[in-house]
């Protein structure tokens, strides 16, 4: 009876978290932030959104597992986390599946994979030089 009152039957109560573990996770989160900034400045075409979501998901998973102690939690907590991640994946698949199934004409600006048109700069001739405007 005294064991229950003091919480000694709870396996999570005995988990010892050293500073080394938190420093490693913090460094991994910093590396993920640097990777986010670096890849955010790159033009990777259609892979931009996939890479950004993968990095964000990895960072969020690290936070949930280690800083919110889901790594040490059991059963139902892990099940809720896995089901929520699967739910987000299903929602993303539905949204991107819908975008990819539509005609580009029906999407604003041609959709998420439309080329970016640059105005000005070298080699750009203004409207006065076009055949429509003499």
N, C-alpha and C. Protein backbone atom coordinates (compact mmCIF):
# COMPACT_ATOMS: atom_id res chain seq x y z
N UNK A 1 0.81 -1.18 0.00
CA UNK A 1 0.00 0.00 0.00
C UNK A 1 0.87 1.26 0.00
N UNK A 2 1.95 1.24 0.74
CA UNK A 2 2.84 2.39 0.79
C UNK A 2 3.52 2.62 -0.56
N UNK A 3 3.75 1.53 -1.30
CA UNK A 3 4.37 1.67 -2.62
C UNK A 3 3.49 2.46 -3.56
N UNK A 4 2.20 2.25 -3.50
CA UNK A 4 1.27 2.96 -4.37
C UNK A 4 1.21 4.43 -3.98
N UNK A 5 1.18 4.72 -2.70
CA UNK A 5 1.09 6.10 -2.25
C UNK A 5 2.33 6.89 -2.61
N UNK A 6 3.48 6.25 -2.56
CA UNK A 6 4.72 6.96 -2.88
C UNK A 6 5.03 6.96 -4.37
N UNK A 7 4.27 6.20 -5.16
CA UNK A 7 4.48 6.18 -6.59
C UNK A 7 5.63 5.30 -7.03
N UNK A 8 6.08 4.36 -6.21
CA UNK A 8 7.21 3.51 -6.58
C UNK A 8 6.82 2.41 -7.54
N UNK A 9 5.52 2.14 -7.73
CA UNK A 9 5.09 1.15 -8.71
C UNK A 9 5.03 1.72 -10.11
N UNK A 10 5.14 3.00 -10.24
CA UNK A 10 5.10 3.65 -11.54
C UNK A 10 6.48 3.57 -12.19
N UNK A 11 6.61 2.87 -13.35
CA UNK A 11 7.92 2.75 -13.99
C UNK A 11 8.49 4.09 -14.44
N UNK A 12 7.61 5.02 -14.82
CA UNK A 12 8.10 6.32 -15.29
C UNK A 12 8.70 7.13 -14.14
N UNK A 13 8.31 6.84 -12.91
CA UNK A 13 8.84 7.57 -11.76
C UNK A 13 10.31 7.25 -11.54
N UNK A 14 10.76 6.09 -11.99
CA UNK A 14 12.14 5.67 -11.80
C UNK A 14 13.05 6.06 -12.96
N UNK A 15 12.48 6.60 -14.03
CA UNK A 15 13.30 6.96 -15.19
C UNK A 15 14.21 8.13 -14.82
N UNK A 16 15.50 7.94 -15.08
CA UNK A 16 16.48 8.98 -14.80
C UNK A 16 16.92 9.56 -16.15
N UNK A 17 16.72 10.85 -16.29
CA UNK A 17 17.09 11.52 -17.53
C UNK A 17 18.33 12.34 -17.28
N UNK A 18 19.41 11.98 -17.94
CA UNK A 18 20.64 12.71 -17.78
C UNK A 18 20.68 13.94 -18.68
N UNK A 19 21.56 14.83 -18.38
CA UNK A 19 21.73 16.04 -19.15
C UNK A 19 22.20 15.73 -20.57
N UNK A 20 22.97 14.67 -20.71
CA UNK A 20 23.52 14.29 -22.03
C UNK A 20 22.40 14.05 -23.04
N UNK A 21 21.34 13.41 -22.61
CA UNK A 21 20.21 13.11 -23.50
C UNK A 21 19.55 14.39 -24.00
N UNK A 22 19.32 15.33 -23.11
CA UNK A 22 18.67 16.58 -23.50
C UNK A 22 19.57 17.44 -24.36
N UNK A 23 20.85 17.43 -24.10
CA UNK A 23 21.80 18.19 -24.93
C UNK A 23 21.83 17.61 -26.34
N UNK A 24 21.83 16.29 -26.46
CA UNK A 24 21.83 15.66 -27.78
C UNK A 24 20.57 16.02 -28.56
N UNK A 25 19.42 15.97 -27.91
CA UNK A 25 18.16 16.32 -28.58
C UNK A 25 18.15 17.80 -28.95
N UNK A 26 18.64 18.65 -28.07
CA UNK A 26 18.71 20.09 -28.35
C UNK A 26 19.61 20.36 -29.55
N UNK A 27 20.76 19.68 -29.61
CA UNK A 27 21.65 19.85 -30.77
C UNK A 27 21.00 19.33 -32.05
N UNK A 28 20.26 18.25 -31.96
CA UNK A 28 19.54 17.74 -33.13
C UNK A 28 18.48 18.74 -33.59
N UNK A 29 17.80 19.39 -32.64
CA UNK A 29 16.81 20.41 -33.00
C UNK A 29 17.48 21.63 -33.62
N UNK A 30 18.63 22.02 -33.10
CA UNK A 30 19.38 23.13 -33.72
C UNK A 30 19.82 22.78 -35.13
N UNK A 31 20.30 21.56 -35.32
CA UNK A 31 20.69 21.12 -36.67
C UNK A 31 19.48 21.12 -37.60
N UNK A 32 18.34 20.70 -37.10
CA UNK A 32 17.12 20.74 -37.90
C UNK A 32 16.72 22.16 -38.27
N UNK A 33 16.92 23.09 -37.35
CA UNK A 33 16.61 24.49 -37.64
C UNK A 33 17.54 25.04 -38.71
N UNK A 34 18.82 24.73 -38.61
CA UNK A 34 19.79 25.16 -39.64
C UNK A 34 19.42 24.54 -40.98
N UNK A 35 19.07 23.27 -40.97
CA UNK A 35 18.68 22.58 -42.20
C UNK A 35 17.41 23.21 -42.79
N UNK A 36 16.50 23.62 -41.95
CA UNK A 36 15.28 24.29 -42.42
C UNK A 36 15.63 25.60 -43.12
N UNK A 37 16.51 26.39 -42.51
CA UNK A 37 16.89 27.68 -43.11
C UNK A 37 17.63 27.46 -44.42
N UNK A 38 18.56 26.51 -44.45
CA UNK A 38 19.35 26.27 -45.66
C UNK A 38 18.47 25.77 -46.80
N UNK A 39 17.63 24.79 -46.52
CA UNK A 39 16.78 24.27 -47.60
C UNK A 39 15.67 25.25 -47.97
N UNK A 40 15.30 26.13 -47.07
CA UNK A 40 14.30 27.15 -47.38
C UNK A 40 14.80 28.18 -48.37
N UNK A 41 16.11 28.35 -48.43
CA UNK A 41 16.70 29.31 -49.37
C UNK A 41 17.04 28.67 -50.72
N UNK A 42 16.87 27.36 -50.82
CA UNK A 42 17.17 26.65 -52.06
C UNK A 42 15.89 26.48 -52.87
N UNK A 43 16.05 26.42 -54.18
CA UNK A 43 14.93 26.11 -55.05
C UNK A 43 15.04 24.66 -55.46
N UNK A 44 14.29 23.82 -54.80
CA UNK A 44 14.32 22.39 -55.07
C UNK A 44 13.09 21.93 -55.83
N UNK A 45 12.36 22.88 -56.37
CA UNK A 45 11.18 22.55 -57.16
C UNK A 45 10.08 21.97 -56.31
N UNK A 46 9.54 20.85 -56.79
CA UNK A 46 8.42 20.21 -56.11
C UNK A 46 8.83 19.57 -54.79
N UNK A 47 10.11 19.35 -54.58
CA UNK A 47 10.58 18.70 -53.35
C UNK A 47 10.62 19.66 -52.16
N UNK A 48 10.47 20.96 -52.38
CA UNK A 48 10.52 21.94 -51.28
C UNK A 48 9.54 21.60 -50.17
N UNK A 49 8.29 21.37 -50.53
CA UNK A 49 7.26 21.12 -49.51
C UNK A 49 7.50 19.79 -48.81
N UNK A 50 7.94 18.79 -49.54
CA UNK A 50 8.17 17.48 -48.94
C UNK A 50 9.32 17.55 -47.94
N UNK A 51 10.40 18.22 -48.32
CA UNK A 51 11.56 18.35 -47.43
C UNK A 51 11.19 19.17 -46.20
N UNK A 52 10.47 20.27 -46.39
CA UNK A 52 10.08 21.12 -45.26
C UNK A 52 9.19 20.36 -44.28
N UNK A 53 8.24 19.59 -44.79
CA UNK A 53 7.37 18.81 -43.92
C UNK A 53 8.13 17.70 -43.20
N UNK A 54 9.08 17.07 -43.88
CA UNK A 54 9.87 16.01 -43.25
C UNK A 54 10.71 16.57 -42.11
N UNK A 55 11.34 17.72 -42.33
CA UNK A 55 12.16 18.33 -41.28
C UNK A 55 11.28 18.75 -40.10
N UNK A 56 10.15 19.38 -40.38
CA UNK A 56 9.25 19.83 -39.31
C UNK A 56 8.70 18.66 -38.52
N UNK A 57 8.36 17.58 -39.22
CA UNK A 57 7.84 16.40 -38.54
C UNK A 57 8.90 15.76 -37.65
N UNK A 58 10.12 15.71 -38.13
CA UNK A 58 11.22 15.15 -37.34
C UNK A 58 11.45 15.98 -36.08
N UNK A 59 11.48 17.28 -36.22
CA UNK A 59 11.69 18.15 -35.07
C UNK A 59 10.54 18.04 -34.06
N UNK A 60 9.31 18.01 -34.55
CA UNK A 60 8.16 17.89 -33.65
C UNK A 60 8.18 16.54 -32.93
N UNK A 61 8.59 15.49 -33.63
CA UNK A 61 8.67 14.17 -33.01
C UNK A 61 9.72 14.15 -31.90
N UNK A 62 10.85 14.79 -32.13
CA UNK A 62 11.88 14.86 -31.09
C UNK A 62 11.36 15.59 -29.85
N UNK A 63 10.66 16.68 -30.07
CA UNK A 63 10.12 17.43 -28.94
C UNK A 63 9.11 16.60 -28.16
N UNK A 64 8.21 15.94 -28.89
CA UNK A 64 7.17 15.15 -28.22
C UNK A 64 7.79 13.95 -27.48
N UNK A 65 8.73 13.27 -28.12
CA UNK A 65 9.30 12.07 -27.51
C UNK A 65 10.14 12.37 -26.27
N UNK A 66 10.98 13.40 -26.35
CA UNK A 66 11.95 13.60 -25.27
C UNK A 66 11.58 14.73 -24.31
N UNK A 67 11.16 15.88 -24.80
CA UNK A 67 10.85 16.97 -23.90
C UNK A 67 9.46 16.81 -23.27
N UNK A 68 8.56 16.10 -23.93
CA UNK A 68 7.24 15.83 -23.37
C UNK A 68 7.17 14.42 -22.78
N UNK A 69 8.29 13.72 -22.76
CA UNK A 69 8.46 12.42 -22.10
C UNK A 69 7.56 11.32 -22.64
N UNK A 70 7.21 11.37 -23.93
CA UNK A 70 6.42 10.30 -24.52
C UNK A 70 7.27 9.04 -24.69
N UNK A 71 8.57 9.21 -24.78
CA UNK A 71 9.48 8.07 -24.91
C UNK A 71 9.36 7.13 -23.71
N UNK A 72 9.15 7.69 -22.55
CA UNK A 72 9.04 6.90 -21.33
C UNK A 72 7.61 6.49 -21.00
N UNK A 73 6.63 7.11 -21.68
CA UNK A 73 5.23 6.80 -21.40
C UNK A 73 4.85 5.48 -22.09
N UNK A 74 3.80 4.91 -21.64
CA UNK A 74 3.40 3.64 -22.20
C UNK A 74 2.10 3.71 -22.98
N UNK A 75 1.73 2.59 -23.48
CA UNK A 75 0.49 2.24 -24.14
C UNK A 75 -0.35 3.30 -24.78
N UNK A 76 -1.31 3.83 -24.05
CA UNK A 76 -2.32 4.69 -24.61
C UNK A 76 -1.72 6.00 -25.13
N UNK A 77 -0.75 6.55 -24.43
CA UNK A 77 -0.13 7.80 -24.88
C UNK A 77 0.56 7.61 -26.23
N UNK A 78 1.29 6.54 -26.38
CA UNK A 78 1.94 6.27 -27.66
C UNK A 78 0.93 6.01 -28.76
N UNK A 79 -0.14 5.32 -28.44
CA UNK A 79 -1.18 5.04 -29.41
C UNK A 79 -1.83 6.33 -29.90
N UNK A 80 -2.10 7.25 -28.99
CA UNK A 80 -2.69 8.53 -29.36
C UNK A 80 -1.74 9.30 -30.28
N UNK A 81 -0.45 9.28 -29.98
CA UNK A 81 0.53 9.98 -30.82
C UNK A 81 0.58 9.37 -32.22
N UNK A 82 0.66 8.07 -32.31
CA UNK A 82 0.75 7.39 -33.62
C UNK A 82 -0.52 7.63 -34.43
N UNK A 83 -1.67 7.53 -33.79
CA UNK A 83 -2.93 7.76 -34.51
C UNK A 83 -3.02 9.20 -34.99
N UNK A 84 -2.57 10.16 -34.21
CA UNK A 84 -2.63 11.55 -34.64
C UNK A 84 -1.68 11.80 -35.81
N UNK A 85 -0.51 11.20 -35.80
CA UNK A 85 0.41 11.35 -36.93
C UNK A 85 -0.19 10.71 -38.19
N UNK A 86 -0.78 9.54 -38.05
CA UNK A 86 -1.42 8.90 -39.20
C UNK A 86 -2.58 9.74 -39.73
N UNK A 87 -3.34 10.36 -38.83
CA UNK A 87 -4.44 11.22 -39.24
C UNK A 87 -3.93 12.42 -40.05
N UNK A 88 -2.84 13.03 -39.61
CA UNK A 88 -2.26 14.15 -40.34
C UNK A 88 -1.77 13.70 -41.72
N UNK A 89 -1.16 12.52 -41.79
CA UNK A 89 -0.69 12.00 -43.08
C UNK A 89 -1.86 11.75 -44.03
N UNK A 90 -2.96 11.23 -43.52
CA UNK A 90 -4.14 11.01 -44.37
C UNK A 90 -4.69 12.35 -44.87
N UNK A 91 -4.76 13.34 -43.99
CA UNK A 91 -5.23 14.66 -44.42
C UNK A 91 -4.32 15.28 -45.47
N UNK A 92 -3.00 15.19 -45.27
CA UNK A 92 -2.06 15.72 -46.26
C UNK A 92 -2.17 14.98 -47.58
N UNK A 93 -2.32 13.67 -47.53
CA UNK A 93 -2.47 12.90 -48.77
C UNK A 93 -3.74 13.32 -49.51
N UNK A 94 -4.80 13.58 -48.78
CA UNK A 94 -6.03 14.03 -49.42
C UNK A 94 -5.89 15.39 -50.06
N UNK A 95 -5.24 16.33 -49.37
CA UNK A 95 -5.07 17.67 -49.92
C UNK A 95 -4.17 17.64 -51.15
N UNK A 96 -3.01 17.00 -51.03
CA UNK A 96 -2.09 16.97 -52.16
C UNK A 96 -2.62 16.10 -53.30
N UNK A 97 -3.35 15.05 -52.96
CA UNK A 97 -3.98 14.24 -54.00
C UNK A 97 -5.00 15.04 -54.78
N UNK A 98 -5.77 15.86 -54.07
CA UNK A 98 -6.75 16.71 -54.73
C UNK A 98 -6.07 17.75 -55.61
N UNK A 99 -5.00 18.36 -55.12
CA UNK A 99 -4.29 19.36 -55.92
C UNK A 99 -3.68 18.76 -57.18
N UNK A 100 -3.15 17.56 -57.06
CA UNK A 100 -2.51 16.93 -58.21
C UNK A 100 -3.53 16.39 -59.22
N UNK A 101 -4.78 16.15 -58.79
CA UNK A 101 -5.79 15.62 -59.69
C UNK A 101 -6.53 16.71 -60.46
N UNK A 102 -6.38 17.95 -60.06
CA UNK A 102 -7.09 19.05 -60.72
C UNK A 102 -6.30 19.55 -61.93
N UNK A 103 -7.01 20.18 -62.83
CA UNK A 103 -6.36 20.82 -63.97
C UNK A 103 -5.67 22.08 -63.48
N UNK A 104 -4.49 22.38 -64.01
CA UNK A 104 -3.79 23.60 -63.57
C UNK A 104 -4.59 24.87 -63.78
N UNK A 105 -5.49 24.88 -64.76
CA UNK A 105 -6.29 26.07 -65.02
C UNK A 105 -7.23 26.37 -63.86
N UNK A 106 -7.67 25.35 -63.13
CA UNK A 106 -8.62 25.55 -62.04
C UNK A 106 -7.95 25.97 -60.73
N UNK A 107 -6.62 26.01 -60.70
CA UNK A 107 -5.91 26.39 -59.49
C UNK A 107 -5.40 27.82 -59.58
N UNK A 108 -5.33 28.52 -58.47
CA UNK A 108 -4.77 29.88 -58.51
C UNK A 108 -3.30 29.84 -58.93
N UNK A 109 -2.93 30.68 -59.85
CA UNK A 109 -1.55 30.79 -60.34
C UNK A 109 -1.03 29.47 -60.91
N UNK A 110 -1.89 28.61 -61.38
CA UNK A 110 -1.45 27.36 -61.97
C UNK A 110 -1.14 26.28 -60.97
N UNK A 111 -1.38 26.48 -59.70
CA UNK A 111 -1.17 25.45 -58.70
C UNK A 111 0.16 25.56 -58.00
N UNK A 112 0.47 24.58 -57.15
CA UNK A 112 1.68 24.65 -56.32
C UNK A 112 2.97 24.40 -57.08
N UNK A 113 2.90 23.94 -58.32
CA UNK A 113 4.11 23.64 -59.07
C UNK A 113 4.29 24.58 -60.26
N UNK A 114 3.61 25.73 -60.24
CA UNK A 114 3.71 26.67 -61.34
C UNK A 114 5.09 27.33 -61.34
N UNK A 115 5.66 27.57 -62.53
CA UNK A 115 6.96 28.25 -62.58
C UNK A 115 6.82 29.71 -62.17
N UNK A 116 7.85 30.22 -61.56
CA UNK A 116 7.86 31.61 -61.11
C UNK A 116 8.36 32.47 -62.25
N UNK A 117 7.58 33.49 -62.59
CA UNK A 117 7.96 34.38 -63.67
C UNK A 117 8.67 35.58 -63.09
N UNK A 118 9.88 35.84 -63.57
CA UNK A 118 10.68 36.96 -63.08
C UNK A 118 10.49 38.16 -64.00
N UNK A 119 10.27 39.33 -63.43
CA UNK A 119 10.12 40.56 -64.20
C UNK A 119 11.37 41.41 -64.00
N UNK A 120 11.81 42.03 -65.07
CA UNK A 120 12.98 42.88 -64.98
C UNK A 120 14.25 42.09 -65.13
N UNK A 121 15.37 42.73 -64.91
CA UNK A 121 16.65 42.04 -64.99
C UNK A 121 17.21 42.04 -66.41
N UNK A 122 18.33 41.38 -66.60
CA UNK A 122 19.01 41.35 -67.88
C UNK A 122 18.19 40.59 -68.90
N UNK A 123 18.16 41.10 -70.11
CA UNK A 123 17.49 40.41 -71.20
C UNK A 123 15.99 40.62 -71.22
N UNK A 124 15.43 41.39 -70.30
CA UNK A 124 14.00 41.62 -70.28
C UNK A 124 13.72 42.91 -71.03
N UNK A 125 12.92 42.77 -72.04
CA UNK A 125 12.54 43.94 -72.80
C UNK A 125 11.14 44.33 -72.38
N UNK A 126 10.93 45.56 -72.14
CA UNK A 126 9.66 46.04 -71.62
C UNK A 126 8.53 45.89 -72.62
N UNK A 127 7.34 46.34 -72.28
CA UNK A 127 6.18 46.19 -73.15
C UNK A 127 6.31 46.98 -74.44
N UNK A 128 7.13 48.04 -74.49
CA UNK A 128 7.27 48.82 -75.70
C UNK A 128 7.95 48.02 -76.81
N UNK A 129 8.75 47.04 -76.48
CA UNK A 129 9.46 46.28 -77.49
C UNK A 129 8.67 45.06 -77.95
N UNK A 130 7.55 44.78 -77.35
CA UNK A 130 6.76 43.61 -77.75
C UNK A 130 5.98 43.91 -79.02
N UNK A 131 5.64 42.86 -79.80
CA UNK A 131 4.93 43.08 -81.06
C UNK A 131 3.55 43.69 -80.86
N UNK A 132 2.91 43.48 -79.72
CA UNK A 132 1.58 44.04 -79.52
C UNK A 132 1.63 45.56 -79.31
N UNK A 133 2.73 46.06 -78.78
CA UNK A 133 2.85 47.50 -78.49
C UNK A 133 4.00 48.07 -79.31
N UNK A 134 3.70 48.72 -80.44
CA UNK A 134 4.79 49.29 -81.28
C UNK A 134 5.44 50.50 -80.67
